[in-house]
């Protein structure tokens, strides 16, 4: 049995579906028992912020797909329940090991805790998700102009479908002790992504890059200050490289990584 945490998120939902399609026994950790799940998947009610709620969810589990940033007690409970393997969804900023950066810090601490747990592990370090383009939905409902933050930053964004495909392989074993950097096949700027969306949607979209001051104002209005500083460090000060294309997706899955255009075509209905 495999337990998927974050089962309703962009990656977790893809992973639950992938495991169910493969006929693997999969249990989705959800907060509400009525949460819709694919055929073949079972629900377990629990909350990662409350490790004591995970007792039933951990029964008979061999491997866990785990999100970063939650109490280390989860790992103790998993080991005591007989879990053998953790596949941790981390990120590229974990490599920085910058405990002064709010994002890097929680990913770094989670990786360190998993290493110290005594369980077999695989770390997945995806770069920005293709699905981050969904943040433009409110603007697209208002018109054909997208105001993009960090317009000059190149990102080899990865499709959550591919992250899930790699996670399936890691949960099955064979990648224990590996750190897998996950990207798409090409680095794109926001304007490049908008151009792809324009073609997929058949709309004459225009991308307007925000200045640093405009970007900072938007960020400060939408998230805590420590996360604003983290993203500023990544994208303005250049601490995080998300432009380099890594080969892990094709190496693990045996097929090319999906492009941003592939993701956009598969999710076109979300933009309409």
C-alpha atoms as a PDB file:
ATOM      1  CA  UNK A   1       0.000   0.000   0.000  1.00  0.00           C
ATOM      2  CA  UNK A   2       1.215   3.480  -0.879  1.00  0.00           C
ATOM      3  CA  UNK A   3       0.061   6.574   1.016  1.00  0.00           C
ATOM      4  CA  UNK A   4      -0.133   9.841  -0.913  1.00  0.00           C
ATOM      5  CA  UNK A   5      -0.166  13.037   1.125  1.00  0.00           C
ATOM      6  CA  UNK A   6      -1.256  16.274  -0.519  1.00  0.00           C
ATOM      7  CA  UNK A   7      -3.591  14.030  -2.481  1.00  0.00           C
ATOM      8  CA  UNK A   8      -5.753  16.861  -3.809  1.00  0.00           C
ATOM      9  CA  UNK A   9      -2.845  19.074  -4.878  1.00  0.00           C
ATOM     10  CA  UNK A  10      -1.361  19.449  -8.346  1.00  0.00           C
ATOM     11  CA  UNK A  11       1.152  16.633  -7.880  1.00  0.00           C
ATOM     12  CA  UNK A  12      -0.702  14.485  -5.372  1.00  0.00           C
ATOM     13  CA  UNK A  13      -3.842  14.242  -7.497  1.00  0.00           C
ATOM     14  CA  UNK A  14      -1.769  13.197 -10.509  1.00  0.00           C
ATOM     15  CA  UNK A  15       0.048  10.598  -8.400  1.00  0.00           C
ATOM     16  CA  UNK A  16      -3.127   9.080  -6.961  1.00  0.00           C
ATOM     17  CA  UNK A  17      -4.485   8.748 -10.507  1.00  0.00           C
ATOM     18  CA  UNK A  18      -1.233   7.278 -11.834  1.00  0.00           C
ATOM     19  CA  UNK A  19      -1.027   4.667  -9.095  1.00  0.00           C
ATOM     20  CA  UNK A  20      -4.695   3.747  -9.517  1.00  0.00           C
ATOM     21  CA  UNK A  21      -4.247   3.372 -13.292  1.00  0.00           C
ATOM     22  CA  UNK A  22      -1.292   1.082 -12.665  1.00  0.00           C
ATOM     23  CA  UNK A  23      -3.356  -1.088 -10.338  1.00  0.00           C
ATOM     24  CA  UNK A  24      -1.147  -0.258  -7.359  1.00  0.00           C
ATOM     25  CA  UNK A  25      -2.811  -0.130  -3.941  1.00  0.00           C
ATOM     26  CA  UNK A  26      -3.084   3.578  -3.152  1.00  0.00           C
ATOM     27  CA  UNK A  27      -4.465   5.436  -0.165  1.00  0.00           C
ATOM     28  CA  UNK A  28      -5.059   9.189  -0.401  1.00  0.00           C
ATOM     29  CA  UNK A  29      -4.708  11.300   2.729  1.00  0.00           C
ATOM     30  CA  UNK A  30      -7.617  13.748   2.752  1.00  0.00           C
ATOM     31  CA  UNK A  31      -9.249  16.021   5.296  1.00  0.00           C
ATOM     32  CA  UNK A  32     -12.798  15.125   4.226  1.00  0.00           C
ATOM     33  CA  UNK A  33     -13.989  11.549   3.617  1.00  0.00           C
ATOM     34  CA  UNK A  34     -16.259  12.647   0.755  1.00  0.00           C
ATOM     35  CA  UNK A  35     -13.320  13.891  -1.342  1.00  0.00           C
ATOM     36  CA  UNK A  36     -13.692  12.459  -4.898  1.00  0.00           C
ATOM     37  CA  UNK A  37     -10.941   9.990  -5.802  1.00  0.00           C
ATOM     38  CA  UNK A  38     -10.162   7.859  -8.873  1.00  0.00           C
ATOM     39  CA  UNK A  39     -11.523   4.328  -9.018  1.00  0.00           C
ATOM     40  CA  UNK A  40      -9.198   1.994  -7.170  1.00  0.00           C
ATOM     41  CA  UNK A  41      -8.011   4.569  -4.633  1.00  0.00           C
ATOM     42  CA  UNK A  42      -9.119   4.601  -1.032  1.00  0.00           C
ATOM     43  CA  UNK A  43      -9.377   7.600   1.279  1.00  0.00           C
ATOM     44  CA  UNK A  44      -7.831   8.017   4.709  1.00  0.00           C
ATOM     45  CA  UNK A  45      -8.841  11.031   6.770  1.00  0.00           C
ATOM     46  CA  UNK A  46      -5.972  12.821   8.476  1.00  0.00           C
ATOM     47  CA  UNK A  47      -3.956  16.019   8.718  1.00  0.00           C
ATOM     48  CA  UNK A  48      -0.185  16.313   8.333  1.00  0.00           C
ATOM     49  CA  UNK A  49      -0.193  19.135  10.869  1.00  0.00           C
ATOM     50  CA  UNK A  50      -1.566  16.639  13.414  1.00  0.00           C
ATOM     51  CA  UNK A  51       0.606  13.499  13.240  1.00  0.00           C
ATOM     52  CA  UNK A  52      -1.595  11.781  15.796  1.00  0.00           C
ATOM     53  CA  UNK A  53      -4.403  11.746  13.229  1.00  0.00           C
ATOM     54  CA  UNK A  54      -2.457   9.466  10.873  1.00  0.00           C
ATOM     55  CA  UNK A  55      -2.817   6.146  12.696  1.00  0.00           C
ATOM     56  CA  UNK A  56      -5.324   4.539  10.348  1.00  0.00           C
ATOM     57  CA  UNK A  57      -3.727   6.103   7.277  1.00  0.00           C
ATOM     58  CA  UNK A  58      -0.381   4.414   8.023  1.00  0.00           C
ATOM     59  CA  UNK A  59      -1.685   0.880   8.512  1.00  0.00           C
ATOM     60  CA  UNK A  60      -0.150  -1.555   6.045  1.00  0.00           C
ATOM     61  CA  UNK A  61       1.727   1.194   4.185  1.00  0.00           C
ATOM     62  CA  UNK A  62       5.020   0.359   2.481  1.00  0.00           C
ATOM     63  CA  UNK A  63       5.858   3.768   1.034  1.00  0.00           C
ATOM     64  CA  UNK A  64       4.735   7.357   1.554  1.00  0.00           C
ATOM     65  CA  UNK A  65       4.741  10.255  -0.856  1.00  0.00           C
ATOM     66  CA  UNK A  66       5.375  13.055   1.611  1.00  0.00           C
ATOM     67  CA  UNK A  67       5.232  16.826   1.322  1.00  0.00           C
ATOM     68  CA  UNK A  68       7.949  18.999   2.854  1.00  0.00           C
ATOM     69  CA  UNK A  69       7.404  21.330   5.762  1.00  0.00           C
ATOM     70  CA  UNK A  70       5.481  19.158   8.231  1.00  0.00           C
ATOM     71  CA  UNK A  71       6.350  17.869  11.732  1.00  0.00           C
ATOM     72  CA  UNK A  72       9.200  15.369  11.991  1.00  0.00           C
ATOM     73  CA  UNK A  73       6.961  13.275  14.256  1.00  0.00           C
ATOM     74  CA  UNK A  74       5.308  11.970  11.076  1.00  0.00           C
ATOM     75  CA  UNK A  75       8.504  10.077  10.281  1.00  0.00           C
ATOM     76  CA  UNK A  76       8.616   8.508  13.751  1.00  0.00           C
ATOM     77  CA  UNK A  77       5.029   7.351  13.405  1.00  0.00           C
ATOM     78  CA  UNK A  78       5.699   6.042   9.898  1.00  0.00           C
ATOM     79  CA  UNK A  79       8.701   4.015  11.050  1.00  0.00           C
ATOM     80  CA  UNK A  80       6.772   2.631  14.013  1.00  0.00           C
ATOM     81  CA  UNK A  81       3.935   1.614  11.666  1.00  0.00           C
ATOM     82  CA  UNK A  82       6.323  -0.406   9.485  1.00  0.00           C
ATOM     83  CA  UNK A  83       6.722   2.021   6.584  1.00  0.00           C
ATOM     84  CA  UNK A  84       9.891   1.294   4.586  1.00  0.00           C
ATOM     85  CA  UNK A  85      10.262   4.173   2.150  1.00  0.00           C
ATOM     86  CA  UNK A  86       9.688   7.937   1.916  1.00  0.00           C
ATOM     87  CA  UNK A  87       9.492   9.769  -1.397  1.00  0.00           C
ATOM     88  CA  UNK A  88       9.793  13.413  -0.380  1.00  0.00           C
ATOM     89  CA  UNK A  89       8.531  16.244  -2.551  1.00  0.00           C
ATOM     90  CA  UNK A  90      11.168  18.883  -1.970  1.00  0.00           C
ATOM     91  CA  UNK A  91      12.484  21.493  -4.391  1.00  0.00           C
ATOM     92  CA  UNK A  92      15.565  22.946  -6.026  1.00  0.00           C
ATOM     93  CA  UNK A  93      16.088  25.427  -3.209  1.00  0.00           C
ATOM     94  CA  UNK A  94      16.855  22.571  -0.799  1.00  0.00           C
ATOM     95  CA  UNK A  95      20.247  22.334  -2.504  1.00  0.00           C
ATOM     96  CA  UNK A  96      21.036  25.855  -1.255  1.00  0.00           C
ATOM     97  CA  UNK A  97      20.635  24.757   2.378  1.00  0.00           C
ATOM     98  CA  UNK A  98      19.931  28.397   3.189  1.00  0.00           C
ATOM     99  CA  UNK A  99      18.228  28.394   6.569  1.00  0.00           C
ATOM    100  CA  UNK A 100      17.804  32.154   6.304  1.00  0.00           C
ATOM    101  CA  UNK A 101      15.519  31.707   3.302  1.00  0.00           C
ATOM    102  CA  UNK A 102      12.002  30.662   4.362  1.00  0.00           C
ATOM    103  CA  UNK A 103      11.436  28.333   1.395  1.00  0.00           C
ATOM    104  CA  UNK A 104      14.886  26.780   1.309  1.00  0.00           C
ATOM    105  CA  UNK A 105      14.772  26.351   5.087  1.00  0.00           C
ATOM    106  CA  UNK A 106      11.647  24.219   5.324  1.00  0.00           C
ATOM    107  CA  UNK A 107      12.706  22.022   2.410  1.00  0.00           C
ATOM    108  CA  UNK A 108      16.230  21.622   3.799  1.00  0.00           C
ATOM    109  CA  UNK A 109      14.929  20.713   7.250  1.00  0.00           C
ATOM    110  CA  UNK A 110      12.521  18.167   5.791  1.00  0.00           C
ATOM    111  CA  UNK A 111      15.281  16.511   3.766  1.00  0.00           C
ATOM    112  CA  UNK A 112      17.544  16.373   6.813  1.00  0.00           C
ATOM    113  CA  UNK A 113      14.795  14.808   8.923  1.00  0.00           C
ATOM    114  CA  UNK A 114      14.090  12.140   6.297  1.00  0.00           C
ATOM    115  CA  UNK A 115      17.799  11.303   6.007  1.00  0.00           C
ATOM    116  CA  UNK A 116      17.977  10.920   9.793  1.00  0.00           C
ATOM    117  CA  UNK A 117      14.824   8.785  10.003  1.00  0.00           C
ATOM    118  CA  UNK A 118      16.479   5.500   9.075  1.00  0.00           C
ATOM    119  CA  UNK A 119      13.911   4.941   6.322  1.00  0.00           C
ATOM    120  CA  UNK A 120      14.794   4.449   2.670  1.00  0.00           C
ATOM    121  CA  UNK A 121      14.293   7.708   0.805  1.00  0.00           C
ATOM    122  CA  UNK A 122      14.167   9.463  -2.546  1.00  0.00           C
ATOM    123  CA  UNK A 123      14.093  13.242  -2.827  1.00  0.00           C
ATOM    124  CA  UNK A 124      12.205  14.819  -5.705  1.00  0.00           C
ATOM    125  CA  UNK A 125      13.410  18.350  -6.399  1.00  0.00           C
ATOM    126  CA  UNK A 126      11.146  19.776  -9.098  1.00  0.00           C
ATOM    127  CA  UNK A 127      11.618  23.286 -10.374  1.00  0.00           C
ATOM    128  CA  UNK A 128       8.587  25.547 -10.909  1.00  0.00           C
ATOM    129  CA  UNK A 129       5.437  23.708 -11.969  1.00  0.00           C
ATOM    130  CA  UNK A 130       3.813  24.245 -15.360  1.00  0.00           C
ATOM    131  CA  UNK A 131       0.566  24.485 -13.408  1.00  0.00           C
ATOM    132  CA  UNK A 132       1.792  27.742 -11.846  1.00  0.00           C
ATOM    133  CA  UNK A 133       0.360  29.346 -14.999  1.00  0.00           C
ATOM    134  CA  UNK A 134      -3.057  28.887 -13.401  1.00  0.00           C
ATOM    135  CA  UNK A 135      -2.212  31.965 -11.323  1.00  0.00           C
ATOM    136  CA  UNK A 136      -3.039  33.997 -14.438  1.00  0.00           C
ATOM    137  CA  UNK A 137      -6.646  32.791 -14.541  1.00  0.00           C
ATOM    138  CA  UNK A 138      -8.137  35.902 -12.885  1.00  0.00           C
ATOM    139  CA  UNK A 139      -6.388  38.128 -15.421  1.00  0.00           C
ATOM    140  CA  UNK A 140      -7.527  35.983 -18.340  1.00  0.00           C
ATOM    141  CA  UNK A 141     -11.114  36.256 -17.151  1.00  0.00           C
ATOM    142  CA  UNK A 142     -10.776  40.034 -17.307  1.00  0.00           C
ATOM    143  CA  UNK A 143      -9.106  40.317 -20.709  1.00  0.00           C
ATOM    144  CA  UNK A 144      -6.198  39.362 -22.936  1.00  0.00           C
ATOM    145  CA  UNK A 145      -3.343  41.052 -21.066  1.00  0.00           C
ATOM    146  CA  UNK A 146      -1.239  39.173 -18.520  1.00  0.00           C
ATOM    147  CA  UNK A 147       0.918  41.176 -16.134  1.00  0.00           C
ATOM    148  CA  UNK A 148       3.783  38.831 -15.272  1.00  0.00           C
ATOM    149  CA  UNK A 149       6.086  38.910 -12.275  1.00  0.00           C
ATOM    150  CA  UNK A 150       9.833  38.350 -12.782  1.00  0.00           C
ATOM    151  CA  UNK A 151       9.487  38.672 -16.588  1.00  0.00           C
ATOM    152  CA  UNK A 152      13.155  38.029 -17.373  1.00  0.00           C
ATOM    153  CA  UNK A 153      13.528  34.819 -15.367  1.00  0.00           C
ATOM    154  CA  UNK A 154      13.949  31.626 -17.368  1.00  0.00           C
ATOM    155  CA  UNK A 155      12.347  28.527 -15.867  1.00  0.00           C
ATOM    156  CA  UNK A 156      12.409  24.945 -17.157  1.00  0.00           C
ATOM    157  CA  UNK A 157       8.989  24.327 -15.648  1.00  0.00           C
ATOM    158  CA  UNK A 158       7.913  20.739 -15.079  1.00  0.00           C
ATOM    159  CA  UNK A 159       4.485  19.198 -15.586  1.00  0.00           C
ATOM    160  CA  UNK A 160       3.039  17.749 -12.338  1.00  0.00           C
ATOM    161  CA  UNK A 161       2.089  14.722 -14.475  1.00  0.00           C
ATOM    162  CA  UNK A 162       5.812  14.027 -14.885  1.00  0.00           C
ATOM    163  CA  UNK A 163       6.560  14.554 -11.200  1.00  0.00           C
ATOM    164  CA  UNK A 164       3.897  11.962 -10.442  1.00  0.00           C
ATOM    165  CA  UNK A 165       5.318   9.554 -13.022  1.00  0.00           C
ATOM    166  CA  UNK A 166       8.726   9.760 -11.361  1.00  0.00           C
ATOM    167  CA  UNK A 167       7.159   9.364  -7.923  1.00  0.00           C
ATOM    168  CA  UNK A 168       5.470   6.125  -9.036  1.00  0.00           C
ATOM    169  CA  UNK A 169       8.871   4.686  -9.947  1.00  0.00           C
ATOM    170  CA  UNK A 170      10.477   5.936  -6.737  1.00  0.00           C
ATOM    171  CA  UNK A 171       7.739   4.465  -4.529  1.00  0.00           C
ATOM    172  CA  UNK A 172       8.269   1.090  -6.181  1.00  0.00           C
ATOM    173  CA  UNK A 173      11.973   1.138  -5.247  1.00  0.00           C
ATOM    174  CA  UNK A 174      15.105   1.324  -7.361  1.00  0.00           C
ATOM    175  CA  UNK A 175      15.826   4.983  -6.639  1.00  0.00           C
ATOM    176  CA  UNK A 176      16.554   4.803  -2.937  1.00  0.00           C
ATOM    177  CA  UNK A 177      19.131   7.337  -1.805  1.00  0.00           C
ATOM    178  CA  UNK A 178      18.775   9.390  -4.985  1.00  0.00           C
ATOM    179  CA  UNK A 179      18.082  13.095  -5.390  1.00  0.00           C
ATOM    180  CA  UNK A 180      16.135  13.638  -8.601  1.00  0.00           C
ATOM    181  CA  UNK A 181      16.090  17.143 -10.091  1.00  0.00           C
ATOM    182  CA  UNK A 182      12.916  17.391 -12.166  1.00  0.00           C
ATOM    183  CA  UNK A 183      12.428  19.873 -15.007  1.00  0.00           C
ATOM    184  CA  UNK A 184      10.702  20.206 -18.312  1.00  0.00           C
ATOM    185  CA  UNK A 185      12.651  20.021 -21.582  1.00  0.00           C
ATOM    186  CA  UNK A 186      13.134  23.767 -22.165  1.00  0.00           C
ATOM    187  CA  UNK A 187      13.547  26.987 -20.187  1.00  0.00           C
ATOM    188  CA  UNK A 188      10.898  29.629 -20.865  1.00  0.00           C
ATOM    189  CA  UNK A 189      10.238  33.196 -19.799  1.00  0.00           C
ATOM    190  CA  UNK A 190       6.710  34.233 -18.788  1.00  0.00           C
ATOM    191  CA  UNK A 191       6.174  35.810 -22.214  1.00  0.00           C
ATOM    192  CA  UNK A 192       7.036  32.472 -23.843  1.00  0.00           C
ATOM    193  CA  UNK A 193       4.440  30.710 -21.713  1.00  0.00           C
ATOM    194  CA  UNK A 194       1.828  33.344 -22.546  1.00  0.00           C
ATOM    195  CA  UNK A 195       2.555  32.848 -26.250  1.00  0.00           C
ATOM    196  CA  UNK A 196       1.975  29.103 -25.847  1.00  0.00           C
ATOM    197  CA  UNK A 197      -1.299  29.736 -24.039  1.00  0.00           C
ATOM    198  CA  UNK A 198      -2.367  32.121 -26.799  1.00  0.00           C
ATOM    199  CA  UNK A 199      -1.898  29.398 -29.395  1.00  0.00           C
ATOM    200  CA  UNK A 200      -3.669  26.740 -27.339  1.00  0.00           C
ATOM    201  CA  UNK A 201      -6.616  28.993 -26.474  1.00  0.00           C
ATOM    202  CA  UNK A 202      -6.866  30.759 -29.814  1.00  0.00           C
ATOM    203  CA  UNK A 203      -6.631  34.150 -28.122  1.00  0.00           C
ATOM    204  CA  UNK A 204      -4.507  37.186 -28.907  1.00  0.00           C
ATOM    205  CA  UNK A 205      -2.788  37.364 -25.542  1.00  0.00           C
ATOM    206  CA  UNK A 206      -0.279  40.023 -24.543  1.00  0.00           C
ATOM    207  CA  UNK A 207       2.337  39.711 -21.805  1.00  0.00           C
ATOM    208  CA  UNK A 208       3.409  42.817 -19.888  1.00  0.00           C
ATOM    209  CA  UNK A 209       6.376  42.369 -17.593  1.00  0.00           C
ATOM    210  CA  UNK A 210       6.109  43.976 -14.174  1.00  0.00           C
ATOM    211  CA  UNK A 211       8.967  46.025 -12.786  1.00  0.00           C
ATOM    212  CA  UNK A 212      10.662  44.840  -9.622  1.00  0.00           C
ATOM    213  CA  UNK A 213       8.766  47.455  -7.611  1.00  0.00           C
ATOM    214  CA  UNK A 214       5.440  46.341  -9.081  1.00  0.00           C
ATOM    215  CA  UNK A 215       6.278  42.710  -8.485  1.00  0.00           C
ATOM    216  CA  UNK A 216       7.261  43.331  -4.887  1.00  0.00           C
ATOM    217  CA  UNK A 217       4.039  45.226  -4.222  1.00  0.00           C
ATOM    218  CA  UNK A 218       1.977  42.316  -5.562  1.00  0.00           C
ATOM    219  CA  UNK A 219       3.913  39.774  -3.541  1.00  0.00           C
ATOM    220  CA  UNK A 220       3.643  41.760  -0.313  1.00  0.00           C
ATOM    221  CA  UNK A 221      -0.117  41.954  -0.801  1.00  0.00           C
ATOM    222  CA  UNK A 222      -0.465  38.193  -1.153  1.00  0.00           C
ATOM    223  CA  UNK A 223       2.026  36.443   1.172  1.00  0.00           C
ATOM    224  CA  UNK A 224       3.995  36.798   4.417  1.00  0.00           C
ATOM    225  CA  UNK A 225       7.086  38.984   4.275  1.00  0.00           C
ATOM    226  CA  UNK A 226       9.523  36.102   4.792  1.00  0.00           C
ATOM    227  CA  UNK A 227       8.254  34.424   1.626  1.00  0.00           C
ATOM    228  CA  UNK A 228       8.498  37.662  -0.328  1.00  0.00           C
ATOM    229  CA  UNK A 229      12.150  37.856   0.695  1.00  0.00           C
ATOM    230  CA  UNK A 230      12.659  34.206  -0.259  1.00  0.00           C
ATOM    231  CA  UNK A 231      11.342  34.691  -3.796  1.00  0.00           C
ATOM    232  CA  UNK A 232      13.272  37.949  -4.111  1.00  0.00           C
ATOM    233  CA  UNK A 233      16.415  36.061  -3.215  1.00  0.00           C
ATOM    234  CA  UNK A 234      15.635  33.399  -5.816  1.00  0.00           C
ATOM    235  CA  UNK A 235      14.581  35.499  -8.782  1.00  0.00           C
ATOM    236  CA  UNK A 236      16.027  38.997  -8.329  1.00  0.00           C
ATOM    237  CA  UNK A 237      19.268  38.158  -6.557  1.00  0.00           C
ATOM    238  CA  UNK A 238      19.597  34.980  -8.653  1.00  0.00           C
ATOM    239  CA  UNK A 239      20.206  32.479  -5.859  1.00  0.00           C
ATOM    240  CA  UNK A 240      18.100  29.747  -7.489  1.00  0.00           C
ATOM    241  CA  UNK A 241      18.775  28.243 -10.910  1.00  0.00           C
ATOM    242  CA  UNK A 242      15.529  27.068 -12.472  1.00  0.00           C
ATOM    243  CA  UNK A 243      16.715  27.445 -16.071  1.00  0.00           C
ATOM    244  CA  UNK A 244      18.995  24.410 -16.295  1.00  0.00           C
ATOM    245  CA  UNK A 245      17.317  21.405 -17.904  1.00  0.00           C
ATOM    246  CA  UNK A 246      17.892  18.169 -15.994  1.00  0.00           C
ATOM    247  CA  UNK A 247      17.522  14.663 -17.487  1.00  0.00           C
ATOM    248  CA  UNK A 248      15.868  12.852 -14.566  1.00  0.00           C
ATOM    249  CA  UNK A 249      12.333  12.740 -15.992  1.00  0.00           C
ATOM    250  CA  UNK A 250      13.280  10.953 -19.236  1.00  0.00           C
ATOM    251  CA  UNK A 251      15.871   8.804 -17.466  1.00  0.00           C
ATOM    252  CA  UNK A 252      13.380   7.547 -14.872  1.00  0.00           C
ATOM    253  CA  UNK A 253      10.251   7.318 -17.027  1.00  0.00           C
ATOM    254  CA  UNK A 254      11.848   6.223 -20.304  1.00  0.00           C
ATOM    255  CA  UNK A 255      10.085   8.939 -22.310  1.00  0.00           C
ATOM    256  CA  UNK A 256      10.610  12.656 -22.976  1.00  0.00           C
ATOM    257  CA  UNK A 257       9.526  15.151 -20.364  1.00  0.00           C
ATOM    258  CA  UNK A 258       6.276  16.893 -21.235  1.00  0.00           C
ATOM    259  CA  UNK A 259       6.539  20.418 -22.560  1.00  0.00           C
ATOM    260  CA  UNK A 260       4.679  23.462 -21.304  1.00  0.00           C
ATOM    261  CA  UNK A 261       2.610  23.219 -24.497  1.00  0.00           C
ATOM    262  CA  UNK A 262       1.685  19.634 -23.554  1.00  0.00           C
ATOM    263  CA  UNK A 263       0.529  20.807 -20.150  1.00  0.00           C
ATOM    264  CA  UNK A 264      -1.400  23.756 -21.601  1.00  0.00           C
ATOM    265  CA  UNK A 265      -3.200  21.569 -24.125  1.00  0.00           C
ATOM    266  CA  UNK A 266      -4.158  19.059 -21.433  1.00  0.00           C
ATOM    267  CA  UNK A 267      -5.555  21.819 -19.211  1.00  0.00           C
ATOM    268  CA  UNK A 268      -7.026  24.156 -21.805  1.00  0.00           C
ATOM    269  CA  UNK A 269     -10.508  23.766 -20.352  1.00  0.00           C
ATOM    270  CA  UNK A 270      -9.333  25.318 -17.092  1.00  0.00           C
ATOM    271  CA  UNK A 271      -8.610  28.564 -18.956  1.00  0.00           C
ATOM    272  CA  UNK A 272     -11.965  28.737 -20.736  1.00  0.00           C
END
